[in-house]
Amino acid sequence: MPFEDECQQLLDHYVSCYVKGDAKGCASVFALNAELYSPFGPPAIGRQAIEETHSEWVAEGAEGKQIVVKSAGQNGDLGWCLAEFREGSTGEGISLNILVRQPDGTWLISHCSLNEAKP
């Protein structure tokens, strides 16, 4: 499967969890020591902090939540993807994600930077 498709599957799982209000499921796409940077709150370092951040975010709802991978690449066990996100209450923007291949061959996000689009 092309790497871009693997990234989209990972982000589709994230969106599915988000829509269900499942903060733990959202955090599951992140590595244990992942870092999340966002204009919507303070940095979240580590999967537990990312889950706590998502507990607040998913409580606000997920009207029209979408994430679409626009480009991606990988070299060995490191990869990246640039994705557009859109949500009714939050607006839209771009996320840049660094991914690390796990021993079982799956990918998890190690670093994520959310960037809000300004009108």
N, C-alpha and C. Protein backbone atom coordinates (compact mmCIF):
# COMPACT_ATOMS: atom_id res chain seq x y z
N MET A 1 0.86 -1.18 0.00
CA MET A 1 0.00 0.00 0.00
C MET A 1 0.89 1.23 0.00
N PRO A 2 0.57 2.23 -0.82
CA PRO A 2 1.37 3.46 -0.81
C PRO A 2 1.35 4.14 0.57
N PHE A 3 2.45 4.77 0.92
CA PHE A 3 2.58 5.40 2.23
C PHE A 3 1.49 6.45 2.46
N GLU A 4 1.17 7.22 1.43
CA GLU A 4 0.12 8.24 1.56
C GLU A 4 -1.21 7.60 2.00
N ASP A 5 -1.51 6.42 1.47
CA ASP A 5 -2.74 5.72 1.86
C ASP A 5 -2.66 5.24 3.31
N GLU A 6 -1.48 4.79 3.74
CA GLU A 6 -1.31 4.39 5.14
C GLU A 6 -1.56 5.57 6.07
N CYS A 7 -1.05 6.74 5.68
CA CYS A 7 -1.28 7.95 6.48
C CYS A 7 -2.77 8.28 6.53
N GLN A 8 -3.45 8.20 5.38
CA GLN A 8 -4.87 8.51 5.35
C GLN A 8 -5.66 7.55 6.23
N GLN A 9 -5.31 6.26 6.20
CA GLN A 9 -5.99 5.29 7.06
C GLN A 9 -5.81 5.63 8.54
N LEU A 10 -4.60 6.01 8.92
CA LEU A 10 -4.32 6.39 10.31
C LEU A 10 -5.16 7.60 10.70
N LEU A 11 -5.22 8.60 9.83
CA LEU A 11 -5.99 9.81 10.13
C LEU A 11 -7.50 9.55 10.07
N ASP A 12 -7.93 8.63 9.21
CA ASP A 12 -9.35 8.25 9.20
C ASP A 12 -9.74 7.60 10.53
N HIS A 13 -8.85 6.77 11.06
CA HIS A 13 -9.11 6.16 12.37
C HIS A 13 -9.22 7.25 13.45
N TYR A 14 -8.31 8.21 13.39
CA TYR A 14 -8.33 9.34 14.32
C TYR A 14 -9.67 10.07 14.24
N VAL A 15 -10.11 10.40 13.02
CA VAL A 15 -11.37 11.13 12.84
C VAL A 15 -12.55 10.31 13.37
N SER A 16 -12.54 9.02 13.10
CA SER A 16 -13.60 8.14 13.59
C SER A 16 -13.69 8.19 15.11
N CYS A 17 -12.54 8.12 15.76
CA CYS A 17 -12.51 8.20 17.23
C CYS A 17 -12.97 9.57 17.70
N TYR A 18 -12.54 10.61 17.02
CA TYR A 18 -12.90 11.98 17.38
C TYR A 18 -14.42 12.16 17.32
N VAL A 19 -15.02 11.71 16.23
CA VAL A 19 -16.47 11.85 16.04
C VAL A 19 -17.24 11.10 17.13
N LYS A 20 -16.69 9.96 17.59
CA LYS A 20 -17.34 9.17 18.65
C LYS A 20 -17.09 9.75 20.03
N GLY A 21 -16.23 10.78 20.12
CA GLY A 21 -15.91 11.35 21.43
C GLY A 21 -14.91 10.51 22.21
N ASP A 22 -14.12 9.71 21.51
CA ASP A 22 -13.17 8.77 22.11
C ASP A 22 -11.76 9.39 22.17
N ALA A 23 -11.47 10.11 23.24
CA ALA A 23 -10.18 10.77 23.38
C ALA A 23 -9.03 9.77 23.44
N LYS A 24 -9.24 8.65 24.10
CA LYS A 24 -8.20 7.62 24.18
C LYS A 24 -7.90 7.06 22.79
N GLY A 25 -8.94 6.83 22.01
CA GLY A 25 -8.75 6.38 20.63
C GLY A 25 -8.01 7.40 19.79
N CYS A 26 -8.32 8.68 19.97
CA CYS A 26 -7.59 9.74 19.25
C CYS A 26 -6.11 9.68 19.60
N ALA A 27 -5.82 9.54 20.88
CA ALA A 27 -4.42 9.52 21.34
C ALA A 27 -3.70 8.27 20.87
N SER A 28 -4.43 7.22 20.53
CA SER A 28 -3.79 5.95 20.13
C SER A 28 -3.03 6.04 18.82
N VAL A 29 -3.26 7.08 18.03
CA VAL A 29 -2.51 7.23 16.77
C VAL A 29 -1.17 7.93 17.01
N PHE A 30 -0.91 8.32 18.25
CA PHE A 30 0.33 8.99 18.63
C PHE A 30 1.25 8.04 19.37
N ALA A 31 2.56 8.18 19.16
CA ALA A 31 3.56 7.42 19.90
C ALA A 31 3.50 7.81 21.38
N LEU A 32 4.00 6.95 22.23
CA LEU A 32 3.96 7.21 23.68
C LEU A 32 4.62 8.53 24.05
N ASN A 33 5.70 8.90 23.37
CA ASN A 33 6.42 10.14 23.68
C ASN A 33 6.15 11.24 22.66
N ALA A 34 5.01 11.18 21.99
CA ALA A 34 4.67 12.14 20.94
C ALA A 34 4.52 13.56 21.48
N GLU A 35 4.63 14.51 20.56
CA GLU A 35 4.46 15.92 20.88
C GLU A 35 3.41 16.51 19.94
N LEU A 36 2.47 17.26 20.51
CA LEU A 36 1.39 17.89 19.74
C LEU A 36 1.43 19.39 20.01
N TYR A 37 1.55 20.16 18.95
CA TYR A 37 1.57 21.61 19.05
C TYR A 37 0.37 22.16 18.28
N SER A 38 -0.36 23.07 18.93
CA SER A 38 -1.63 23.52 18.38
C SER A 38 -1.93 24.96 18.78
N PRO A 39 -2.57 25.72 17.87
CA PRO A 39 -3.03 27.05 18.26
C PRO A 39 -4.28 27.00 19.13
N PHE A 40 -4.83 25.79 19.34
CA PHE A 40 -6.06 25.62 20.10
C PHE A 40 -5.82 25.28 21.56
N GLY A 41 -4.57 25.28 21.99
CA GLY A 41 -4.25 24.96 23.38
C GLY A 41 -2.75 24.85 23.56
N PRO A 42 -2.32 24.61 24.80
CA PRO A 42 -0.88 24.50 25.08
C PRO A 42 -0.32 23.21 24.47
N PRO A 43 1.00 23.13 24.32
CA PRO A 43 1.61 21.90 23.82
C PRO A 43 1.23 20.71 24.70
N ALA A 44 1.05 19.56 24.06
CA ALA A 44 0.77 18.32 24.78
C ALA A 44 1.93 17.37 24.49
N ILE A 45 2.66 16.99 25.53
CA ILE A 45 3.83 16.15 25.37
C ILE A 45 3.55 14.79 26.02
N GLY A 46 3.60 13.74 25.23
CA GLY A 46 3.30 12.39 25.70
C GLY A 46 1.87 12.00 25.41
N ARG A 47 1.64 10.71 25.20
CA ARG A 47 0.31 10.23 24.83
C ARG A 47 -0.74 10.58 25.88
N GLN A 48 -0.40 10.52 27.16
CA GLN A 48 -1.37 10.83 28.21
C GLN A 48 -1.82 12.29 28.11
N ALA A 49 -0.89 13.21 27.91
CA ALA A 49 -1.24 14.63 27.77
C ALA A 49 -2.06 14.85 26.50
N ILE A 50 -1.74 14.12 25.44
CA ILE A 50 -2.50 14.23 24.19
C ILE A 50 -3.93 13.73 24.40
N GLU A 51 -4.09 12.66 25.16
CA GLU A 51 -5.43 12.16 25.48
C GLU A 51 -6.20 13.19 26.30
N GLU A 52 -5.57 13.80 27.28
CA GLU A 52 -6.23 14.82 28.10
C GLU A 52 -6.66 16.01 27.26
N THR A 53 -5.80 16.44 26.35
CA THR A 53 -6.15 17.54 25.44
C THR A 53 -7.36 17.15 24.59
N HIS A 54 -7.34 15.93 24.07
CA HIS A 54 -8.45 15.48 23.24
C HIS A 54 -9.75 15.31 24.03
N SER A 55 -9.65 15.03 25.31
CA SER A 55 -10.86 14.94 26.13
C SER A 55 -11.62 16.26 26.08
N GLU A 56 -10.88 17.35 26.13
CA GLU A 56 -11.51 18.68 26.02
C GLU A 56 -12.03 18.92 24.62
N TRP A 57 -11.21 18.59 23.62
CA TRP A 57 -11.59 18.86 22.24
C TRP A 57 -12.82 18.07 21.81
N VAL A 58 -12.86 16.77 22.11
CA VAL A 58 -13.99 15.97 21.64
C VAL A 58 -15.28 16.34 22.36
N ALA A 59 -15.17 16.91 23.56
CA ALA A 59 -16.36 17.37 24.29
C ALA A 59 -17.04 18.52 23.58
N GLU A 60 -16.28 19.24 22.76
CA GLU A 60 -16.84 20.38 22.02
C GLU A 60 -17.61 19.94 20.78
N GLY A 61 -17.53 18.66 20.42
CA GLY A 61 -18.21 18.14 19.24
C GLY A 61 -17.29 18.08 18.04
N ALA A 62 -17.80 17.48 16.98
CA ALA A 62 -16.97 17.27 15.79
C ALA A 62 -17.74 17.47 14.50
N GLU A 63 -18.56 18.51 14.47
CA GLU A 63 -19.39 18.76 13.30
C GLU A 63 -18.54 18.89 12.04
N GLY A 64 -18.76 17.99 11.09
CA GLY A 64 -18.08 18.07 9.81
C GLY A 64 -16.58 17.80 9.84
N LYS A 65 -16.08 17.10 10.84
CA LYS A 65 -14.65 16.84 10.99
C LYS A 65 -14.12 16.05 9.79
N GLN A 66 -13.08 16.57 9.16
CA GLN A 66 -12.44 15.92 8.02
C GLN A 66 -10.95 16.16 8.08
N ILE A 67 -10.18 15.15 7.70
CA ILE A 67 -8.73 15.32 7.52
C ILE A 67 -8.36 14.60 6.24
N VAL A 68 -7.69 15.31 5.33
CA VAL A 68 -7.31 14.75 4.04
C VAL A 68 -5.82 14.94 3.83
N VAL A 69 -5.12 13.84 3.62
CA VAL A 69 -3.68 13.89 3.34
C VAL A 69 -3.47 14.52 1.97
N LYS A 70 -2.63 15.53 1.93
CA LYS A 70 -2.32 16.22 0.68
C LYS A 70 -1.00 15.75 0.08
N SER A 71 -0.05 15.40 0.94
CA SER A 71 1.22 14.85 0.46
C SER A 71 1.87 14.10 1.60
N ALA A 72 2.71 13.15 1.24
CA ALA A 72 3.37 12.33 2.25
C ALA A 72 4.63 11.72 1.65
N GLY A 73 5.54 11.36 2.52
CA GLY A 73 6.75 10.69 2.08
C GLY A 73 7.37 9.94 3.24
N GLN A 74 8.24 9.02 2.91
CA GLN A 74 8.90 8.23 3.96
C GLN A 74 10.27 7.78 3.48
N ASN A 75 11.12 7.54 4.44
CA ASN A 75 12.45 6.99 4.19
C ASN A 75 12.76 6.07 5.36
N GLY A 76 12.78 4.78 5.09
CA GLY A 76 13.02 3.84 6.18
C GLY A 76 11.89 3.86 7.18
N ASP A 77 12.24 4.06 8.45
CA ASP A 77 11.25 4.03 9.53
C ASP A 77 10.71 5.40 9.91
N LEU A 78 11.04 6.42 9.12
CA LEU A 78 10.51 7.77 9.36
C LEU A 78 9.67 8.21 8.18
N GLY A 79 8.61 8.92 8.49
CA GLY A 79 7.75 9.44 7.43
C GLY A 79 7.15 10.78 7.85
N TRP A 80 6.49 11.43 6.91
CA TRP A 80 5.83 12.70 7.19
C TRP A 80 4.57 12.75 6.34
N CYS A 81 3.60 13.52 6.80
CA CYS A 81 2.45 13.82 5.95
C CYS A 81 1.94 15.22 6.27
N LEU A 82 1.49 15.85 5.23
CA LEU A 82 0.87 17.16 5.30
C LEU A 82 -0.61 16.93 5.01
N ALA A 83 -1.48 17.37 5.92
CA ALA A 83 -2.91 17.09 5.77
C ALA A 83 -3.72 18.35 6.04
N GLU A 84 -4.80 18.50 5.31
CA GLU A 84 -5.76 19.58 5.55
C GLU A 84 -6.81 19.08 6.51
N PHE A 85 -7.16 19.93 7.50
CA PHE A 85 -8.26 19.56 8.40
C PHE A 85 -9.34 20.61 8.32
N ARG A 86 -10.55 20.15 8.59
CA ARG A 86 -11.72 21.02 8.52
C ARG A 86 -12.71 20.53 9.56
N GLU A 87 -13.26 21.48 10.29
CA GLU A 87 -14.27 21.15 11.30
C GLU A 87 -15.16 22.36 11.48
N GLY A 88 -16.46 22.12 11.66
CA GLY A 88 -17.43 23.20 11.78
C GLY A 88 -17.09 24.26 12.79
N SER A 89 -16.83 23.87 14.05
CA SER A 89 -16.61 24.86 15.11
C SER A 89 -15.19 25.40 15.13
N THR A 90 -14.23 24.62 14.70
CA THR A 90 -12.82 25.01 14.79
C THR A 90 -12.36 25.78 13.57
N GLY A 91 -12.87 25.42 12.42
CA GLY A 91 -12.42 26.04 11.19
C GLY A 91 -11.58 25.07 10.39
N GLU A 92 -10.53 25.60 9.78
CA GLU A 92 -9.71 24.76 8.93
C GLU A 92 -8.25 25.12 9.06
N GLY A 93 -7.41 24.21 8.57
CA GLY A 93 -5.99 24.45 8.64
C GLY A 93 -5.20 23.30 8.06
N ILE A 94 -3.94 23.28 8.39
CA ILE A 94 -2.99 22.28 7.89
C ILE A 94 -2.31 21.64 9.10
N SER A 95 -2.09 20.34 9.02
CA SER A 95 -1.28 19.68 10.05
C SER A 95 -0.06 19.06 9.37
N LEU A 96 1.07 19.22 10.02
CA LEU A 96 2.30 18.57 9.59
C LEU A 96 2.61 17.51 10.62
N ASN A 97 2.74 16.27 10.17
CA ASN A 97 2.93 15.14 11.06
C ASN A 97 4.20 14.38 10.71
N ILE A 98 4.99 14.08 11.72
CA ILE A 98 6.14 13.20 11.56
C ILE A 98 5.70 11.84 12.11
N LEU A 99 5.95 10.79 11.36
CA LEU A 99 5.53 9.45 11.76
C LEU A 99 6.73 8.53 11.92
N VAL A 100 6.58 7.57 12.83
CA VAL A 100 7.63 6.59 13.10
C VAL A 100 7.02 5.21 12.96
N ARG A 101 7.71 4.35 12.18
CA ARG A 101 7.23 2.97 12.03
C ARG A 101 7.48 2.20 13.32
N GLN A 102 6.48 1.47 13.75
CA GLN A 102 6.56 0.68 14.97
C GLN A 102 7.11 -0.72 14.65
N PRO A 103 7.56 -1.45 15.66
CA PRO A 103 8.10 -2.80 15.42
C PRO A 103 7.13 -3.73 14.67
N ASP A 104 5.82 -3.50 14.84
CA ASP A 104 4.84 -4.35 14.15
C ASP A 104 4.55 -3.88 12.72
N GLY A 105 5.24 -2.82 12.27
CA GLY A 105 5.07 -2.32 10.91
C GLY A 105 4.06 -1.19 10.77
N THR A 106 3.29 -0.91 11.82
CA THR A 106 2.32 0.19 11.76
C THR A 106 3.05 1.51 11.97
N TRP A 107 2.35 2.58 11.68
CA TRP A 107 2.90 3.92 11.84
C TRP A 107 2.16 4.66 12.94
N LEU A 108 2.89 5.45 13.73
CA LEU A 108 2.30 6.33 14.73
C LEU A 108 2.91 7.72 14.57
N ILE A 109 2.15 8.72 14.96
CA ILE A 109 2.61 10.10 14.88
C ILE A 109 3.53 10.39 16.06
N SER A 110 4.72 10.91 15.78
CA SER A 110 5.64 11.29 16.86
C SER A 110 5.60 12.79 17.12
N HIS A 111 5.32 13.58 16.10
CA HIS A 111 5.24 15.03 16.22
C HIS A 111 4.11 15.53 15.31
N CYS A 112 3.31 16.43 15.85
CA CYS A 112 2.21 16.99 15.09
C CYS A 112 2.13 18.49 15.34
N SER A 113 2.09 19.25 14.27
CA SER A 113 1.92 20.69 14.37
C SER A 113 0.63 21.07 13.63
N LEU A 114 -0.35 21.55 14.38
CA LEU A 114 -1.60 22.03 13.79
C LEU A 114 -1.45 23.51 13.51
N ASN A 115 -1.85 23.91 12.33
CA ASN A 115 -1.72 25.31 11.92
C ASN A 115 -3.05 25.79 11.37
N GLU A 116 -3.64 26.73 12.06
CA GLU A 116 -4.95 27.25 11.68
C GLU A 116 -4.85 28.13 10.45
N ALA A 117 -5.77 27.95 9.50
CA ALA A 117 -5.83 28.79 8.32
C ALA A 117 -6.51 30.09 8.69
N LYS A 118 -5.90 31.16 8.33
CA LYS A 118 -6.49 32.48 8.59
C LYS A 118 -7.20 32.97 7.34
N PRO A 119 -8.41 33.51 7.50
CA PRO A 119 -9.17 33.99 6.32
C PRO A 119 -8.48 35.17 5.67
